């Protein structure tokens, strides 16, 4: 199987930074493109990690997504795109992967969700269970 396009979930968490770093290294090794995706739902987190209404902070979130959260892509010899999409994370990731004909979806095992006792986050679990494409979940 040739890997040409890798969709990566990016939400500003440590888990998503690890997933993006892993995907960028893989893309560099095989000559693939990385498509970093942030799903802008009803709530997001401010710089202190507090929940805020996402739409009211869209410009701030976009700026942080494109610079801070996607920083693992900077300085690498890898083709990449950054996509900010409205909607729930699972639906957005699956739709982007389908629309881009992605060969792989990569997520961190834990994102910004508030259930640290779970081994996997709800987004990574749902994507792994419903995707028709290969999914790689990067451990924290």
Protein backbone atom coordinates (compact mmCIF):
# COMPACT_ATOMS: atom_id res chain seq x y z
CA UNK A 1 0.00 0.00 0.00
CA UNK A 2 1.37 3.37 -0.99
CA UNK A 3 0.73 6.26 1.40
CA UNK A 4 0.15 9.55 -0.40
CA UNK A 5 -2.17 11.53 1.92
CA UNK A 6 -2.32 11.46 5.71
CA UNK A 7 -5.14 13.23 7.58
CA UNK A 8 -4.19 14.22 11.12
CA UNK A 9 -6.54 15.45 13.86
CA UNK A 10 -5.15 18.60 15.52
CA UNK A 11 -6.77 20.12 18.60
CA UNK A 12 -3.93 21.80 20.49
CA UNK A 13 -3.50 18.94 22.96
CA UNK A 14 -0.21 17.19 23.70
CA UNK A 15 -1.69 14.06 22.12
CA UNK A 16 -2.42 15.79 18.85
CA UNK A 17 1.08 17.32 18.79
CA UNK A 18 2.56 13.83 19.14
CA UNK A 19 0.25 12.52 16.41
CA UNK A 20 1.21 15.37 14.07
CA UNK A 21 4.93 14.85 14.75
CA UNK A 22 4.59 11.12 14.04
CA UNK A 23 2.59 11.72 10.86
CA UNK A 24 5.06 14.35 9.63
CA UNK A 25 7.98 11.93 10.11
CA UNK A 26 6.10 9.21 8.23
CA UNK A 27 5.16 11.63 5.44
CA UNK A 28 8.76 12.75 5.14
CA UNK A 29 9.95 9.15 4.88
CA UNK A 30 7.43 8.10 2.20
CA UNK A 31 6.91 11.38 0.34
CA UNK A 32 3.29 11.81 1.45
CA UNK A 33 1.27 14.94 2.09
CA UNK A 34 -0.02 15.77 5.57
CA UNK A 35 -3.46 17.32 5.90
CA UNK A 36 -3.79 18.79 9.40
CA UNK A 37 -7.46 19.16 10.38
CA UNK A 38 -9.07 21.03 13.26
CA UNK A 39 -12.82 20.58 13.77
CA UNK A 40 -14.39 23.76 15.06
CA UNK A 41 -17.34 22.56 17.12
CA UNK A 42 -19.56 24.41 19.57
CA UNK A 43 -16.84 24.77 22.20
CA UNK A 44 -13.09 25.08 22.05
CA UNK A 45 -10.43 26.00 24.61
CA UNK A 46 -8.73 29.33 25.21
CA UNK A 47 -4.99 29.59 25.86
CA UNK A 48 -5.54 28.70 29.52
CA UNK A 49 -7.51 25.58 28.53
CA UNK A 50 -10.89 26.95 29.57
CA UNK A 51 -13.91 26.14 27.37
CA UNK A 52 -15.09 29.03 25.19
CA UNK A 53 -17.73 29.32 22.43
CA UNK A 54 -15.80 28.36 19.29
CA UNK A 55 -17.44 30.67 16.74
CA UNK A 56 -16.77 33.78 18.84
CA UNK A 57 -13.08 32.86 18.97
CA UNK A 58 -12.75 31.60 15.39
CA UNK A 59 -9.94 33.99 14.37
CA UNK A 60 -7.93 33.26 17.53
CA UNK A 61 -8.41 29.51 17.10
CA UNK A 62 -7.44 29.66 13.42
CA UNK A 63 -4.28 31.60 14.26
CA UNK A 64 -3.30 29.17 17.03
CA UNK A 65 -4.12 26.16 14.81
CA UNK A 66 -2.09 27.43 11.86
CA UNK A 67 0.94 28.46 13.93
CA UNK A 68 1.22 26.89 17.40
CA UNK A 69 -0.72 23.65 16.96
CA UNK A 70 0.76 22.86 13.53
CA UNK A 71 4.31 23.82 14.57
CA UNK A 72 5.52 20.18 14.26
CA UNK A 73 5.14 20.64 10.48
CA UNK A 74 7.44 23.66 10.35
CA UNK A 75 10.95 23.13 9.06
CA UNK A 76 10.19 19.67 7.70
CA UNK A 77 10.56 18.59 4.11
CA UNK A 78 6.91 17.59 3.83
CA UNK A 79 3.98 18.85 1.78
CA UNK A 80 1.18 19.95 4.07
CA UNK A 81 -2.13 21.72 4.26
CA UNK A 82 -3.99 23.09 7.26
CA UNK A 83 -7.81 22.81 7.23
CA UNK A 84 -10.19 24.36 9.75
CA UNK A 85 -13.67 22.86 9.33
CA UNK A 86 -16.94 23.47 11.18
CA UNK A 87 -18.58 20.50 12.89
CA UNK A 88 -18.06 17.66 15.33
CA UNK A 89 -14.55 16.20 15.28
CA UNK A 90 -15.48 12.66 14.24
CA UNK A 91 -17.72 13.77 11.36
CA UNK A 92 -15.20 16.34 10.15
CA UNK A 93 -12.26 13.91 10.21
CA UNK A 94 -14.15 11.19 8.38
CA UNK A 95 -15.50 13.63 5.78
CA UNK A 96 -12.08 15.18 5.12
CA UNK A 97 -10.46 11.74 4.88
CA UNK A 98 -13.13 10.69 2.37
CA UNK A 99 -13.01 13.92 0.37
CA UNK A 100 -9.21 13.89 0.19
CA UNK A 101 -9.05 10.14 -0.50
CA UNK A 102 -6.68 9.82 2.45
CA UNK A 103 -4.64 6.68 2.84
CA UNK A 104 -4.36 7.04 6.62
CA UNK A 105 -5.98 8.91 9.52
CA UNK A 106 -3.77 9.72 12.51
CA UNK A 107 -4.99 10.86 15.94
CA UNK A 108 -3.65 11.15 19.44
CA UNK A 109 -5.08 8.67 21.92
CA UNK A 110 -6.24 11.55 24.12
CA UNK A 111 -7.31 15.02 23.05
CA UNK A 112 -8.84 17.88 24.99
CA UNK A 113 -11.74 15.79 26.33
CA UNK A 114 -12.27 15.62 30.07
CA UNK A 115 -12.21 11.87 30.74
CA UNK A 116 -8.62 10.99 31.66
CA UNK A 117 -9.67 7.62 33.11
CA UNK A 118 -10.49 6.34 29.64
CA UNK A 119 -7.69 4.61 27.79
CA UNK A 120 -8.74 6.23 24.49
CA UNK A 121 -10.59 9.46 23.90
CA UNK A 122 -14.08 9.34 22.46
CA UNK A 123 -12.94 10.88 19.15
CA UNK A 124 -10.15 8.36 18.57
CA UNK A 125 -12.44 5.49 19.58
CA UNK A 126 -15.26 6.59 17.27
CA UNK A 127 -12.97 7.26 14.31
CA UNK A 128 -11.27 3.87 14.72
CA UNK A 129 -14.64 2.10 14.94
CA UNK A 130 -16.33 3.83 12.00
CA UNK A 131 -13.62 4.66 9.47
CA UNK A 132 -13.31 2.64 6.26
CA UNK A 133 -9.69 3.78 6.07
CA UNK A 134 -6.69 2.73 8.16
CA UNK A 135 -6.43 4.62 11.46
CA UNK A 136 -3.32 5.02 13.60
CA UNK A 137 -3.73 6.14 17.19
CA UNK A 138 -0.59 7.56 18.77
CA UNK A 139 -0.26 6.93 22.52
CA UNK A 140 0.27 9.78 24.95
